[in-house]
Amino acid sequence: MSEINWGKIKWQSRRGMRELDLMLLPFVEHDLPGMAPEVVDDYMDLLDATDLQLFRWLHQTESPDSERRQKMVETIIACHATRAGREGV
């Protein structure tokens, strides 16, 4: 990805499922911008999954279908854990 379109990434992160939005949107707003472009590419790949797949992966009831997606899910979960209990973030 040569130039990152943050608006597009944020829009695609809005899944319409509250449980996903509460994890993905803060990740895109606070964590992803400071990460390497390769991680942004991995995140965009993750967004190709269905809402149900994302829900199951992020709530760890199923494993992602690739190592690349597994690492991205682990990153999102770890970032989400650092925000636990902090309102609005």
N, C-alpha and C. Protein backbone atom coordinates (compact mmCIF):
# COMPACT_ATOMS: atom_id res chain seq x y z
N MET A 1 0.85 -1.17 0.00
CA MET A 1 0.00 0.00 0.00
C MET A 1 0.90 1.24 0.00
N SER A 2 0.93 1.99 -1.05
CA SER A 2 1.85 3.12 -1.14
C SER A 2 1.35 4.32 -0.35
N GLU A 3 0.10 4.71 -0.51
CA GLU A 3 -0.45 5.81 0.26
C GLU A 3 -1.68 5.31 1.00
N ILE A 4 -1.70 5.56 2.29
CA ILE A 4 -2.76 5.01 3.13
C ILE A 4 -3.96 5.95 3.15
N ASN A 5 -5.11 5.44 2.81
CA ASN A 5 -6.36 6.20 2.84
C ASN A 5 -7.07 5.87 4.15
N TRP A 6 -6.80 6.67 5.20
CA TRP A 6 -7.33 6.39 6.52
C TRP A 6 -8.85 6.48 6.56
N GLY A 7 -9.43 7.38 5.79
CA GLY A 7 -10.89 7.48 5.74
C GLY A 7 -11.52 6.20 5.25
N LYS A 8 -10.95 5.63 4.20
CA LYS A 8 -11.46 4.38 3.65
C LYS A 8 -11.30 3.24 4.66
N ILE A 9 -10.17 3.19 5.32
CA ILE A 9 -9.92 2.13 6.30
C ILE A 9 -10.92 2.25 7.45
N LYS A 10 -11.13 3.47 7.93
CA LYS A 10 -12.08 3.67 9.03
C LYS A 10 -13.49 3.29 8.59
N TRP A 11 -13.88 3.68 7.39
CA TRP A 11 -15.22 3.36 6.89
C TRP A 11 -15.41 1.84 6.79
N GLN A 12 -14.40 1.14 6.27
CA GLN A 12 -14.51 -0.31 6.12
C GLN A 12 -14.47 -1.03 7.47
N SER A 13 -13.96 -0.35 8.48
CA SER A 13 -13.91 -0.93 9.82
C SER A 13 -15.25 -0.85 10.54
N ARG A 14 -16.15 -0.01 10.05
CA ARG A 14 -17.50 0.08 10.63
C ARG A 14 -18.30 -1.11 10.11
N ARG A 15 -18.52 -2.05 10.99
CA ARG A 15 -19.14 -3.30 10.56
C ARG A 15 -20.64 -3.35 10.87
N GLY A 16 -21.14 -2.44 11.70
CA GLY A 16 -22.55 -2.46 12.03
C GLY A 16 -22.89 -3.43 13.14
N MET A 17 -21.90 -4.10 13.66
CA MET A 17 -22.08 -5.00 14.81
C MET A 17 -21.33 -4.35 15.96
N ARG A 18 -22.05 -3.95 16.98
CA ARG A 18 -21.46 -3.18 18.07
C ARG A 18 -20.19 -3.83 18.64
N GLU A 19 -20.22 -5.12 18.82
CA GLU A 19 -19.06 -5.81 19.39
C GLU A 19 -17.81 -5.64 18.53
N LEU A 20 -18.00 -5.64 17.22
CA LEU A 20 -16.87 -5.44 16.32
C LEU A 20 -16.44 -3.99 16.29
N ASP A 21 -17.41 -3.09 16.20
CA ASP A 21 -17.09 -1.66 16.15
C ASP A 21 -16.32 -1.21 17.39
N LEU A 22 -16.65 -1.77 18.55
CA LEU A 22 -15.97 -1.40 19.79
C LEU A 22 -14.51 -1.85 19.81
N MET A 23 -14.18 -2.83 19.01
CA MET A 23 -12.79 -3.28 18.94
C MET A 23 -12.05 -2.67 17.75
N LEU A 24 -12.71 -2.63 16.60
CA LEU A 24 -12.02 -2.22 15.38
C LEU A 24 -11.82 -0.71 15.28
N LEU A 25 -12.85 0.08 15.58
CA LEU A 25 -12.73 1.53 15.39
C LEU A 25 -11.66 2.16 16.29
N PRO A 26 -11.62 1.83 17.60
CA PRO A 26 -10.52 2.39 18.40
C PRO A 26 -9.14 1.93 17.92
N PHE A 27 -9.07 0.69 17.43
CA PHE A 27 -7.80 0.19 16.90
C PHE A 27 -7.35 1.03 15.72
N VAL A 28 -8.28 1.34 14.81
CA VAL A 28 -7.95 2.13 13.62
C VAL A 28 -7.61 3.57 14.00
N GLU A 29 -8.31 4.11 14.97
CA GLU A 29 -8.09 5.51 15.36
C GLU A 29 -6.84 5.72 16.20
N HIS A 30 -6.53 4.77 17.08
CA HIS A 30 -5.46 4.99 18.06
C HIS A 30 -4.20 4.16 17.85
N ASP A 31 -4.33 2.98 17.31
CA ASP A 31 -3.18 2.06 17.26
C ASP A 31 -2.59 1.89 15.86
N LEU A 32 -3.43 1.63 14.90
CA LEU A 32 -2.97 1.32 13.55
C LEU A 32 -2.13 2.42 12.90
N PRO A 33 -2.46 3.72 13.10
CA PRO A 33 -1.65 4.75 12.44
C PRO A 33 -0.16 4.74 12.81
N GLY A 34 0.19 4.20 13.96
CA GLY A 34 1.59 4.15 14.37
C GLY A 34 2.31 2.88 13.96
N MET A 35 1.63 2.03 13.25
CA MET A 35 2.21 0.74 12.87
C MET A 35 2.78 0.78 11.45
N ALA A 36 3.59 -0.20 11.16
CA ALA A 36 4.25 -0.30 9.85
C ALA A 36 3.22 -0.49 8.73
N PRO A 37 3.55 -0.02 7.52
CA PRO A 37 2.64 -0.19 6.39
C PRO A 37 2.24 -1.64 6.12
N GLU A 38 3.14 -2.58 6.43
CA GLU A 38 2.83 -3.99 6.23
C GLU A 38 1.69 -4.43 7.16
N VAL A 39 1.65 -3.86 8.37
CA VAL A 39 0.59 -4.18 9.31
C VAL A 39 -0.73 -3.61 8.80
N VAL A 40 -0.68 -2.43 8.22
CA VAL A 40 -1.88 -1.84 7.63
C VAL A 40 -2.40 -2.74 6.50
N ASP A 41 -1.50 -3.27 5.70
CA ASP A 41 -1.89 -4.21 4.63
C ASP A 41 -2.55 -5.46 5.23
N ASP A 42 -1.97 -5.97 6.32
CA ASP A 42 -2.55 -7.14 6.98
C ASP A 42 -3.94 -6.82 7.53
N TYR A 43 -4.11 -5.64 8.06
CA TYR A 43 -5.42 -5.23 8.57
C TYR A 43 -6.44 -5.15 7.44
N MET A 44 -6.04 -4.59 6.31
CA MET A 44 -6.95 -4.50 5.16
C MET A 44 -7.33 -5.91 4.68
N ASP A 45 -6.40 -6.82 4.72
CA ASP A 45 -6.71 -8.21 4.36
C ASP A 45 -7.73 -8.79 5.34
N LEU A 46 -7.57 -8.49 6.61
CA LEU A 46 -8.50 -8.99 7.63
C LEU A 46 -9.92 -8.48 7.37
N LEU A 47 -10.03 -7.25 6.90
CA LEU A 47 -11.35 -6.67 6.66
C LEU A 47 -12.10 -7.35 5.52
N ASP A 48 -11.43 -8.19 4.75
CA ASP A 48 -12.11 -8.95 3.70
C ASP A 48 -12.95 -10.09 4.28
N ALA A 49 -12.74 -10.41 5.54
CA ALA A 49 -13.51 -11.47 6.19
C ALA A 49 -14.93 -10.99 6.46
N THR A 50 -15.83 -11.93 6.65
CA THR A 50 -17.21 -11.58 6.98
C THR A 50 -17.30 -11.09 8.43
N ASP A 51 -18.40 -10.43 8.74
CA ASP A 51 -18.60 -9.97 10.12
C ASP A 51 -18.61 -11.15 11.08
N LEU A 52 -19.26 -12.22 10.70
CA LEU A 52 -19.34 -13.39 11.57
C LEU A 52 -17.95 -13.99 11.81
N GLN A 53 -17.15 -14.07 10.76
CA GLN A 53 -15.78 -14.57 10.93
C GLN A 53 -15.01 -13.66 11.89
N LEU A 54 -15.06 -12.36 11.65
CA LEU A 54 -14.35 -11.42 12.52
C LEU A 54 -14.81 -11.55 13.97
N PHE A 55 -16.11 -11.62 14.16
CA PHE A 55 -16.65 -11.77 15.52
C PHE A 55 -16.07 -13.01 16.20
N ARG A 56 -16.11 -14.13 15.51
CA ARG A 56 -15.62 -15.38 16.08
C ARG A 56 -14.12 -15.34 16.34
N TRP A 57 -13.37 -14.74 15.42
CA TRP A 57 -11.92 -14.65 15.60
C TRP A 57 -11.56 -13.72 16.75
N LEU A 58 -12.20 -12.55 16.80
CA LEU A 58 -11.86 -11.57 17.84
C LEU A 58 -12.34 -11.98 19.22
N HIS A 59 -13.34 -12.85 19.26
CA HIS A 59 -13.82 -13.37 20.55
C HIS A 59 -13.27 -14.78 20.82
N GLN A 60 -12.36 -15.18 19.97
CA GLN A 60 -11.56 -16.39 20.12
C GLN A 60 -12.39 -17.67 20.26
N THR A 61 -13.49 -17.73 19.52
CA THR A 61 -14.26 -18.97 19.48
C THR A 61 -13.87 -19.80 18.26
N GLU A 62 -13.17 -19.18 17.32
CA GLU A 62 -12.60 -19.86 16.16
C GLU A 62 -11.25 -19.23 15.86
N SER A 63 -10.43 -19.97 15.13
CA SER A 63 -9.13 -19.45 14.72
C SER A 63 -9.21 -18.92 13.30
N PRO A 64 -8.50 -17.83 13.02
CA PRO A 64 -8.46 -17.30 11.66
C PRO A 64 -7.92 -18.33 10.67
N ASP A 65 -8.22 -18.08 9.40
CA ASP A 65 -7.89 -19.03 8.34
C ASP A 65 -6.48 -18.91 7.79
N SER A 66 -5.67 -18.02 8.34
CA SER A 66 -4.28 -17.90 7.91
C SER A 66 -3.44 -17.36 9.06
N GLU A 67 -2.14 -17.61 8.98
CA GLU A 67 -1.22 -17.12 10.01
C GLU A 67 -1.20 -15.59 10.02
N ARG A 68 -1.26 -15.01 8.84
CA ARG A 68 -1.26 -13.54 8.70
C ARG A 68 -2.45 -12.93 9.46
N ARG A 69 -3.62 -13.51 9.26
CA ARG A 69 -4.82 -13.02 9.95
C ARG A 69 -4.75 -13.33 11.45
N GLN A 70 -4.18 -14.45 11.81
CA GLN A 70 -4.04 -14.80 13.23
C GLN A 70 -3.21 -13.74 13.96
N LYS A 71 -2.10 -13.34 13.36
CA LYS A 71 -1.24 -12.32 13.97
C LYS A 71 -1.97 -10.99 14.10
N MET A 72 -2.76 -10.64 13.08
CA MET A 72 -3.50 -9.38 13.12
C MET A 72 -4.57 -9.42 14.21
N VAL A 73 -5.27 -10.52 14.33
CA VAL A 73 -6.28 -10.68 15.38
C VAL A 73 -5.62 -10.56 16.76
N GLU A 74 -4.49 -11.19 16.95
CA GLU A 74 -3.77 -11.11 18.22
C GLU A 74 -3.36 -9.68 18.53
N THR A 75 -2.94 -8.94 17.51
CA THR A 75 -2.56 -7.54 17.70
C THR A 75 -3.76 -6.70 18.12
N ILE A 76 -4.89 -6.89 17.46
CA ILE A 76 -6.10 -6.13 17.80
C ILE A 76 -6.55 -6.45 19.22
N ILE A 77 -6.55 -7.72 19.59
CA ILE A 77 -6.95 -8.12 20.94
C ILE A 77 -6.03 -7.51 21.98
N ALA A 78 -4.73 -7.54 21.73
CA ALA A 78 -3.77 -6.96 22.67
C ALA A 78 -3.97 -5.46 22.82
N CYS A 79 -4.18 -4.77 21.73
CA CYS A 79 -4.41 -3.32 21.79
C CYS A 79 -5.72 -3.02 22.52
N HIS A 80 -6.73 -3.82 22.26
CA HIS A 80 -8.02 -3.64 22.92
C HIS A 80 -7.88 -3.82 24.44
N ALA A 81 -7.09 -4.78 24.85
CA ALA A 81 -6.88 -5.05 26.28
C ALA A 81 -6.23 -3.87 26.99
N THR A 82 -5.38 -3.13 26.28
CA THR A 82 -4.72 -1.98 26.91
C THR A 82 -5.70 -0.83 27.13
N ARG A 83 -6.83 -0.83 26.43
CA ARG A 83 -7.82 0.22 26.57
C ARG A 83 -8.93 -0.14 27.57
N ALA A 84 -8.94 -1.37 28.05
CA ALA A 84 -10.01 -1.85 28.93
C ALA A 84 -10.21 -0.89 30.10
N GLY A 85 -11.45 -0.45 30.28
CA GLY A 85 -11.79 0.42 31.39
C GLY A 85 -11.58 1.91 31.12
N ARG A 86 -11.06 2.24 29.95
CA ARG A 86 -10.86 3.66 29.60
C ARG A 86 -11.99 4.09 28.71
N GLU A 87 -12.86 4.92 29.22
CA GLU A 87 -14.04 5.41 28.48
C GLU A 87 -13.62 6.18 27.23
N GLY A 88 -14.33 5.96 26.14
CA GLY A 88 -14.15 6.75 24.93
C GLY A 88 -12.92 6.42 24.13
N VAL A 89 -12.19 5.39 24.50
CA VAL A 89 -10.99 5.02 23.75
C VAL A 89 -11.08 3.58 23.35
